[in-house]
Amino acid sequence: MTEKIAGIEIPDTPIAVAATELVRAAADDLLFHHSRRVYLWGSLKARARGMDVNPEAAYVGAMFHDLGLTPRHRTTGRRFELDGAEAARTFLLEHGYSEFDARQVWYAIALHTTPQIPAHLAPEIAVVTFGVETDVIGVGIDEINPDEIAAVTAAHPRRNFKIEILKAFNDGMKDRPDSTFGTMNDDVLAHFDPDFRRTDFVSLINENAWPQ
């Protein structure tokens, strides 16, 4: 029987089931529940906007979006968003997706911390950012009715979420501080490490090798 939460069906295709199993094996409860909520919030918002979303692709995007924070999938030389995006693309290609469709999910994950742009791209890209913005910083939570919020958070609790997700972000990025330049992620490292120094974009312009 298909699982339904707040009127949103959780995809139960073989690819969706395999994605759930992969994320369950790699991520702790915090990231698993967060990722499922991302799918649900994003889907609720997409439905309200009349968007035609491929639920399987959106689900994989949501489930893999923070996979780059986990020990099993993170690297030290690139942004965590790219780690998750590459993992999703490889996974989807191995499961028969075309390069184009796998790349759409790649974009959904790679851009999920880049405000505004995803909303102007394919629905499968937008829905992940809709969900992330809702779950992490509360954007548009008033668009979701209280019964839907109660159903989602009953299925996937937010216990101590604000504190724990910040710790997870820091743990997943503190060994690659340079990867946070130009993103909101440097706010997290600065919060936890008083010695963290952000790269300054103006200095990069003024102090580079060009004479003028």
C-alpha atoms as a PDB file:
ATOM      1  CA  MET A   1       0.000   0.000   0.000  1.00  0.00           C
ATOM      2  CA  THR A   2       1.357   3.394  -1.007  1.00  0.00           C
ATOM      3  CA  GLU A   3       2.297   5.598   1.941  1.00  0.00           C
ATOM      4  CA  LYS A   4       0.526   8.956   1.960  1.00  0.00           C
ATOM      5  CA  ILE A   5       1.369  11.850   4.286  1.00  0.00           C
ATOM      6  CA  ALA A   6      -0.617  15.103   4.301  1.00  0.00           C
ATOM      7  CA  GLY A   7      -2.211  13.997   1.042  1.00  0.00           C
ATOM      8  CA  ILE A   8       1.173  13.503  -0.667  1.00  0.00           C
ATOM      9  CA  GLU A   9       2.113  10.036  -1.849  1.00  0.00           C
ATOM     10  CA  ILE A  10       5.609   8.811  -1.114  1.00  0.00           C
ATOM     11  CA  PRO A  11       6.824   7.234  -4.374  1.00  0.00           C
ATOM     12  CA  ASP A  12       7.145   3.457  -4.092  1.00  0.00           C
ATOM     13  CA  THR A  13       8.776   2.722  -7.433  1.00  0.00           C
ATOM     14  CA  PRO A  14      11.860   0.481  -7.376  1.00  0.00           C
ATOM     15  CA  ILE A  15      14.091   3.542  -7.851  1.00  0.00           C
ATOM     16  CA  ALA A  16      12.428   5.442  -5.010  1.00  0.00           C
ATOM     17  CA  VAL A  17      12.665   2.432  -2.715  1.00  0.00           C
ATOM     18  CA  ALA A  18      16.345   1.988  -3.592  1.00  0.00           C
ATOM     19  CA  ALA A  19      16.952   5.693  -2.929  1.00  0.00           C
ATOM     20  CA  THR A  20      15.336   5.417   0.488  1.00  0.00           C
ATOM     21  CA  GLU A  21      17.467   2.390   1.351  1.00  0.00           C
ATOM     22  CA  LEU A  22      20.664   4.120   0.217  1.00  0.00           C
ATOM     23  CA  VAL A  23      19.962   7.254   2.244  1.00  0.00           C
ATOM     24  CA  ARG A  24      18.804   5.231   5.260  1.00  0.00           C
ATOM     25  CA  ALA A  25      22.146   3.384   5.213  1.00  0.00           C
ATOM     26  CA  ALA A  26      24.254   6.541   4.873  1.00  0.00           C
ATOM     27  CA  ALA A  27      22.420   9.156   6.946  1.00  0.00           C
ATOM     28  CA  ASP A  28      21.265   9.363  10.546  1.00  0.00           C
ATOM     29  CA  ASP A  29      17.671   9.953  11.637  1.00  0.00           C
ATOM     30  CA  LEU A  30      18.149  13.722  11.580  1.00  0.00           C
ATOM     31  CA  LEU A  31      19.004  13.882   7.876  1.00  0.00           C
ATOM     32  CA  PHE A  32      16.575  11.131   6.902  1.00  0.00           C
ATOM     33  CA  HIS A  33      13.564  12.823   8.491  1.00  0.00           C
ATOM     34  CA  HIS A  34      14.690  16.214   7.201  1.00  0.00           C
ATOM     35  CA  SER A  35      15.009  14.891   3.658  1.00  0.00           C
ATOM     36  CA  ARG A  36      11.565  13.301   3.731  1.00  0.00           C
ATOM     37  CA  ARG A  37      10.062  16.538   5.043  1.00  0.00           C
ATOM     38  CA  VAL A  38      11.801  18.417   2.235  1.00  0.00           C
ATOM     39  CA  TYR A  39      10.015  16.209  -0.281  1.00  0.00           C
ATOM     40  CA  LEU A  40       6.677  16.654   1.459  1.00  0.00           C
ATOM     41  CA  TRP A  41       6.884  20.435   1.945  1.00  0.00           C
ATOM     42  CA  GLY A  42       8.131  20.909  -1.599  1.00  0.00           C
ATOM     43  CA  SER A  43       5.383  18.714  -3.008  1.00  0.00           C
ATOM     44  CA  LEU A  44       2.687  20.533  -1.047  1.00  0.00           C
ATOM     45  CA  LYS A  45       3.924  23.873  -2.357  1.00  0.00           C
ATOM     46  CA  ALA A  46       4.259  22.565  -5.901  1.00  0.00           C
ATOM     47  CA  ARG A  47       0.706  21.205  -5.775  1.00  0.00           C
ATOM     48  CA  ALA A  48      -0.621  24.543  -4.553  1.00  0.00           C
ATOM     49  CA  ARG A  49       1.121  26.233  -7.490  1.00  0.00           C
ATOM     50  CA  GLY A  50      -0.302  23.767 -10.004  1.00  0.00           C
ATOM     51  CA  MET A  51       3.144  22.491 -10.961  1.00  0.00           C
ATOM     52  CA  ASP A  52       3.494  19.210 -12.855  1.00  0.00           C
ATOM     53  CA  VAL A  53       6.283  17.427 -10.980  1.00  0.00           C
ATOM     54  CA  ASN A  54       7.786  14.003 -11.634  1.00  0.00           C
ATOM     55  CA  PRO A  55       7.423  12.629  -8.089  1.00  0.00           C
ATOM     56  CA  GLU A  56      10.160  10.007  -8.414  1.00  0.00           C
ATOM     57  CA  ALA A  57      12.771  12.518  -9.615  1.00  0.00           C
ATOM     58  CA  ALA A  58      11.716  15.061  -6.985  1.00  0.00           C
ATOM     59  CA  TYR A  59      11.898  12.388  -4.301  1.00  0.00           C
ATOM     60  CA  VAL A  60      15.428  11.361  -5.249  1.00  0.00           C
ATOM     61  CA  GLY A  61      16.460  15.020  -5.296  1.00  0.00           C
ATOM     62  CA  ALA A  62      15.038  15.586  -1.834  1.00  0.00           C
ATOM     63  CA  MET A  63      16.452  12.393  -0.371  1.00  0.00           C
ATOM     64  CA  PHE A  64      19.967  12.951  -1.763  1.00  0.00           C
ATOM     65  CA  HIS A  65      20.167  16.717  -1.210  1.00  0.00           C
ATOM     66  CA  ASP A  66      22.191  16.508   2.037  1.00  0.00           C
ATOM     67  CA  LEU A  67      23.964  13.244   1.308  1.00  0.00           C
ATOM     68  CA  GLY A  68      27.200  15.198   0.813  1.00  0.00           C
ATOM     69  CA  LEU A  69      27.233  15.892   4.560  1.00  0.00           C
ATOM     70  CA  THR A  70      27.499  12.208   5.430  1.00  0.00           C
ATOM     71  CA  PRO A  71      30.830  10.441   6.045  1.00  0.00           C
ATOM     72  CA  ARG A  72      30.081   7.890   3.340  1.00  0.00           C
ATOM     73  CA  HIS A  73      29.523  10.404   0.551  1.00  0.00           C
ATOM     74  CA  ARG A  74      31.363  13.601   1.400  1.00  0.00           C
ATOM     75  CA  THR A  75      34.646  14.741  -0.087  1.00  0.00           C
ATOM     76  CA  THR A  76      37.052  17.431   1.094  1.00  0.00           C
ATOM     77  CA  GLY A  77      37.630  19.384  -2.091  1.00  0.00           C
ATOM     78  CA  ARG A  78      34.214  20.584  -3.214  1.00  0.00           C
ATOM     79  CA  ARG A  79      30.903  21.904  -1.930  1.00  0.00           C
ATOM     80  CA  PHE A  80      28.727  19.376  -0.125  1.00  0.00           C
ATOM     81  CA  GLU A  81      25.901  20.151  -2.553  1.00  0.00           C
ATOM     82  CA  LEU A  82      28.053  18.787  -5.386  1.00  0.00           C
ATOM     83  CA  ASP A  83      28.785  15.589  -3.467  1.00  0.00           C
ATOM     84  CA  GLY A  84      25.080  14.890  -3.148  1.00  0.00           C
ATOM     85  CA  ALA A  85      24.391  15.912  -6.733  1.00  0.00           C
ATOM     86  CA  GLU A  86      27.066  13.582  -8.101  1.00  0.00           C
ATOM     87  CA  ALA A  87      25.819  10.712  -5.944  1.00  0.00           C
ATOM     88  CA  ALA A  88      22.276  11.206  -7.234  1.00  0.00           C
ATOM     89  CA  ARG A  89      23.346  11.460 -10.860  1.00  0.00           C
ATOM     90  CA  THR A  90      25.405   8.267 -10.628  1.00  0.00           C
ATOM     91  CA  PHE A  91      22.584   6.474  -8.844  1.00  0.00           C
ATOM     92  CA  LEU A  92      19.988   7.498 -11.446  1.00  0.00           C
ATOM     93  CA  LEU A  93      22.172   6.626 -14.418  1.00  0.00           C
ATOM     94  CA  GLU A  94      22.781   3.198 -12.900  1.00  0.00           C
ATOM     95  CA  HIS A  95      19.009   2.795 -12.568  1.00  0.00           C
ATOM     96  CA  GLY A  96      18.248   3.641 -16.183  1.00  0.00           C
ATOM     97  CA  TYR A  97      17.661   7.397 -16.197  1.00  0.00           C
ATOM     98  CA  SER A  98      18.789   9.350 -19.234  1.00  0.00           C
ATOM     99  CA  GLU A  99      21.680  11.770 -18.844  1.00  0.00           C
ATOM    100  CA  PHE A 100      19.251  14.688 -19.256  1.00  0.00           C
ATOM    101  CA  ASP A 101      16.822  13.510 -16.561  1.00  0.00           C
ATOM    102  CA  ALA A 102      19.626  12.578 -14.166  1.00  0.00           C
ATOM    103  CA  ARG A 103      21.167  15.997 -14.736  1.00  0.00           C
ATOM    104  CA  GLN A 104      17.900  17.710 -13.754  1.00  0.00           C
ATOM    105  CA  VAL A 105      18.111  16.022 -10.364  1.00  0.00           C
ATOM    106  CA  TRP A 106      21.789  17.015 -10.211  1.00  0.00           C
ATOM    107  CA  TYR A 107      20.731  20.644 -10.623  1.00  0.00           C
ATOM    108  CA  ALA A 108      18.035  20.273  -7.975  1.00  0.00           C
ATOM    109  CA  ILE A 109      20.647  19.243  -5.422  1.00  0.00           C
ATOM    110  CA  ALA A 110      23.549  21.430  -6.576  1.00  0.00           C
ATOM    111  CA  LEU A 111      21.385  24.570  -6.458  1.00  0.00           C
ATOM    112  CA  HIS A 112      19.351  23.933  -3.327  1.00  0.00           C
ATOM    113  CA  THR A 113      21.303  26.510  -1.293  1.00  0.00           C
ATOM    114  CA  THR A 114      21.156  29.113  -4.075  1.00  0.00           C
ATOM    115  CA  PRO A 115      18.143  31.372  -3.454  1.00  0.00           C
ATOM    116  CA  GLN A 116      15.637  32.329  -6.179  1.00  0.00           C
ATOM    117  CA  ILE A 117      17.225  30.637  -9.203  1.00  0.00           C
ATOM    118  CA  PRO A 118      15.720  27.118  -8.738  1.00  0.00           C
ATOM    119  CA  ALA A 119      12.167  28.525  -8.751  1.00  0.00           C
ATOM    120  CA  HIS A 120      12.692  29.538 -12.393  1.00  0.00           C
ATOM    121  CA  LEU A 121      13.898  26.121 -13.516  1.00  0.00           C
ATOM    122  CA  ALA A 122      12.229  22.723 -14.017  1.00  0.00           C
ATOM    123  CA  PRO A 123       9.645  21.702 -11.378  1.00  0.00           C
ATOM    124  CA  GLU A 124      11.854  18.856 -10.153  1.00  0.00           C
ATOM    125  CA  ILE A 125      14.551  21.430  -9.427  1.00  0.00           C
ATOM    126  CA  ALA A 126      12.246  23.964  -7.808  1.00  0.00           C
ATOM    127  CA  VAL A 127      10.485  21.515  -5.531  1.00  0.00           C
ATOM    128  CA  VAL A 128      13.666  20.588  -3.660  1.00  0.00           C
ATOM    129  CA  THR A 129      14.491  24.204  -2.882  1.00  0.00           C
ATOM    130  CA  PHE A 130      10.880  24.889  -1.871  1.00  0.00           C
ATOM    131  CA  GLY A 131      11.152  22.066   0.629  1.00  0.00           C
ATOM    132  CA  VAL A 132      14.583  23.013   1.942  1.00  0.00           C
ATOM    133  CA  GLU A 133      13.649  26.649   2.466  1.00  0.00           C
ATOM    134  CA  THR A 134      10.501  25.620   4.323  1.00  0.00           C
ATOM    135  CA  ASP A 135      12.141  23.072   6.600  1.00  0.00           C
ATOM    136  CA  VAL A 136      15.353  24.927   7.423  1.00  0.00           C
ATOM    137  CA  ILE A 137      14.396  28.610   7.522  1.00  0.00           C
ATOM    138  CA  GLY A 138      10.598  28.559   7.531  1.00  0.00           C
ATOM    139  CA  VAL A 139      10.064  30.277   4.180  1.00  0.00           C
ATOM    140  CA  GLY A 140       6.405  30.080   3.170  1.00  0.00           C
ATOM    141  CA  ILE A 141       5.350  27.926   6.101  1.00  0.00           C
ATOM    142  CA  ASP A 142       2.139  29.960   6.201  1.00  0.00           C
ATOM    143  CA  GLU A 143       1.275  28.474   2.790  1.00  0.00           C
ATOM    144  CA  ILE A 144       0.837  25.053   4.417  1.00  0.00           C
ATOM    145  CA  ASN A 145      -2.215  24.470   6.570  1.00  0.00           C
ATOM    146  CA  PRO A 146      -1.852  23.395  10.209  1.00  0.00           C
ATOM    147  CA  ASP A 147      -3.300  19.920   9.611  1.00  0.00           C
ATOM    148  CA  GLU A 148      -0.702  19.257   6.900  1.00  0.00           C
ATOM    149  CA  ILE A 149       2.091  20.520   9.137  1.00  0.00           C
ATOM    150  CA  ALA A 150       0.886  18.267  11.951  1.00  0.00           C
ATOM    151  CA  ALA A 151       0.727  15.235   9.643  1.00  0.00           C
ATOM    152  CA  VAL A 152       4.212  15.772   8.234  1.00  0.00           C
ATOM    153  CA  THR A 153       5.875  16.421  11.579  1.00  0.00           C
ATOM    154  CA  ALA A 154       4.095  13.452  13.165  1.00  0.00           C
ATOM    155  CA  ALA A 155       5.515  11.161  10.494  1.00  0.00           C
ATOM    156  CA  HIS A 156       8.925  12.841  10.458  1.00  0.00           C
ATOM    157  CA  PRO A 157       9.582  14.652  13.757  1.00  0.00           C
ATOM    158  CA  ARG A 158      11.646  17.835  14.150  1.00  0.00           C
ATOM    159  CA  ARG A 159      13.128  17.023  17.552  1.00  0.00           C
ATOM    160  CA  ASN A 160      15.710  19.688  18.458  1.00  0.00           C
ATOM    161  CA  PHE A 161      16.037  20.247  14.724  1.00  0.00           C
ATOM    162  CA  LYS A 162      17.422  23.793  14.632  1.00  0.00           C
ATOM    163  CA  ILE A 163      20.361  22.947  16.885  1.00  0.00           C
ATOM    164  CA  GLU A 164      21.031  19.528  15.370  1.00  0.00           C
ATOM    165  CA  ILE A 165      20.910  20.584  11.714  1.00  0.00           C
ATOM    166  CA  LEU A 166      23.414  23.375  12.359  1.00  0.00           C
ATOM    167  CA  LYS A 167      25.741  20.823  13.960  1.00  0.00           C
ATOM    168  CA  ALA A 168      25.293  18.519  10.964  1.00  0.00           C
ATOM    169  CA  PHE A 169      26.115  21.328   8.546  1.00  0.00           C
ATOM    170  CA  ASN A 170      29.230  22.238  10.509  1.00  0.00           C
ATOM    171  CA  ASP A 171      30.398  18.646  10.847  1.00  0.00           C
ATOM    172  CA  GLY A 172      29.975  18.127   7.102  1.00  0.00           C
ATOM    173  CA  MET A 173      31.846  21.278   6.054  1.00  0.00           C
ATOM    174  CA  LYS A 174      34.420  22.205   8.692  1.00  0.00           C
ATOM    175  CA  ASP A 175      37.175  20.200   6.973  1.00  0.00           C
ATOM    176  CA  ARG A 176      36.598  22.020   3.653  1.00  0.00           C
ATOM    177  CA  PRO A 177      36.136  25.670   4.643  1.00  0.00           C
ATOM    178  CA  ASP A 178      37.196  27.014   1.243  1.00  0.00           C
ATOM    179  CA  SER A 179      34.180  25.308  -0.314  1.00  0.00           C
ATOM    180  CA  THR A 180      31.849  27.672   1.537  1.00  0.00           C
ATOM    181  CA  PHE A 181      33.035  30.816  -0.242  1.00  0.00           C
ATOM    182  CA  GLY A 182      30.188  32.617  -1.980  1.00  0.00           C
ATOM    183  CA  THR A 183      27.506  30.645  -0.163  1.00  0.00           C
ATOM    184  CA  MET A 184      25.476  30.926   3.020  1.00  0.00           C
ATOM    185  CA  ASN A 185      27.430  27.961   4.363  1.00  0.00           C
ATOM    186  CA  ASP A 186      30.223  30.176   5.645  1.00  0.00           C
ATOM    187  CA  ASP A 187      27.711  31.546   8.189  1.00  0.00           C
ATOM    188  CA  VAL A 188      27.618  28.091   9.770  1.00  0.00           C
ATOM    189  CA  LEU A 189      31.395  27.777  10.063  1.00  0.00           C
ATOM    190  CA  ALA A 190      31.654  31.290  11.495  1.00  0.00           C
ATOM    191  CA  HIS A 191      29.001  30.405  14.089  1.00  0.00           C
ATOM    192  CA  PHE A 192      30.923  27.404  15.392  1.00  0.00           C
ATOM    193  CA  ASP A 193      34.519  28.571  14.921  1.00  0.00           C
ATOM    194  CA  PRO A 194      35.507  32.053  16.170  1.00  0.00           C
ATOM    195  CA  ASP A 195      38.787  31.758  14.257  1.00  0.00           C
ATOM    196  CA  PHE A 196      37.114  31.129  10.906  1.00  0.00           C
ATOM    197  CA  ARG A 197      37.907  33.847   8.392  1.00  0.00           C
ATOM    198  CA  ARG A 198      35.663  34.292   5.399  1.00  0.00           C
ATOM    199  CA  THR A 199      37.134  34.878   1.972  1.00  0.00           C
ATOM    200  CA  ASP A 200      36.324  38.462   1.042  1.00  0.00           C
ATOM    201  CA  PHE A 201      35.128  38.953  -2.540  1.00  0.00           C
ATOM    202  CA  VAL A 202      36.126  42.619  -2.650  1.00  0.00           C
ATOM    203  CA  SER A 203      39.661  41.709  -1.586  1.00  0.00           C
ATOM    204  CA  LEU A 204      39.800  39.092  -4.329  1.00  0.00           C
ATOM    205  CA  ILE A 205      39.082  41.832  -6.840  1.00  0.00           C
ATOM    206  CA  ASN A 206      41.362  44.491  -5.370  1.00  0.00           C
ATOM    207  CA  GLU A 207      44.325  42.253  -4.587  1.00  0.00           C
ATOM    208  CA  ASN A 208      44.511  39.951  -7.607  1.00  0.00           C
ATOM    209  CA  ALA A 209      47.274  39.983 -10.252  1.00  0.00           C
ATOM    210  CA  TRP A 210      45.578  42.441 -12.623  1.00  0.00           C
ATOM    211  CA  PRO A 211      47.176  45.899 -12.395  1.00  0.00           C
ATOM    212  CA  GLN A 212      43.853  47.696 -12.729  1.00  0.00           C
END
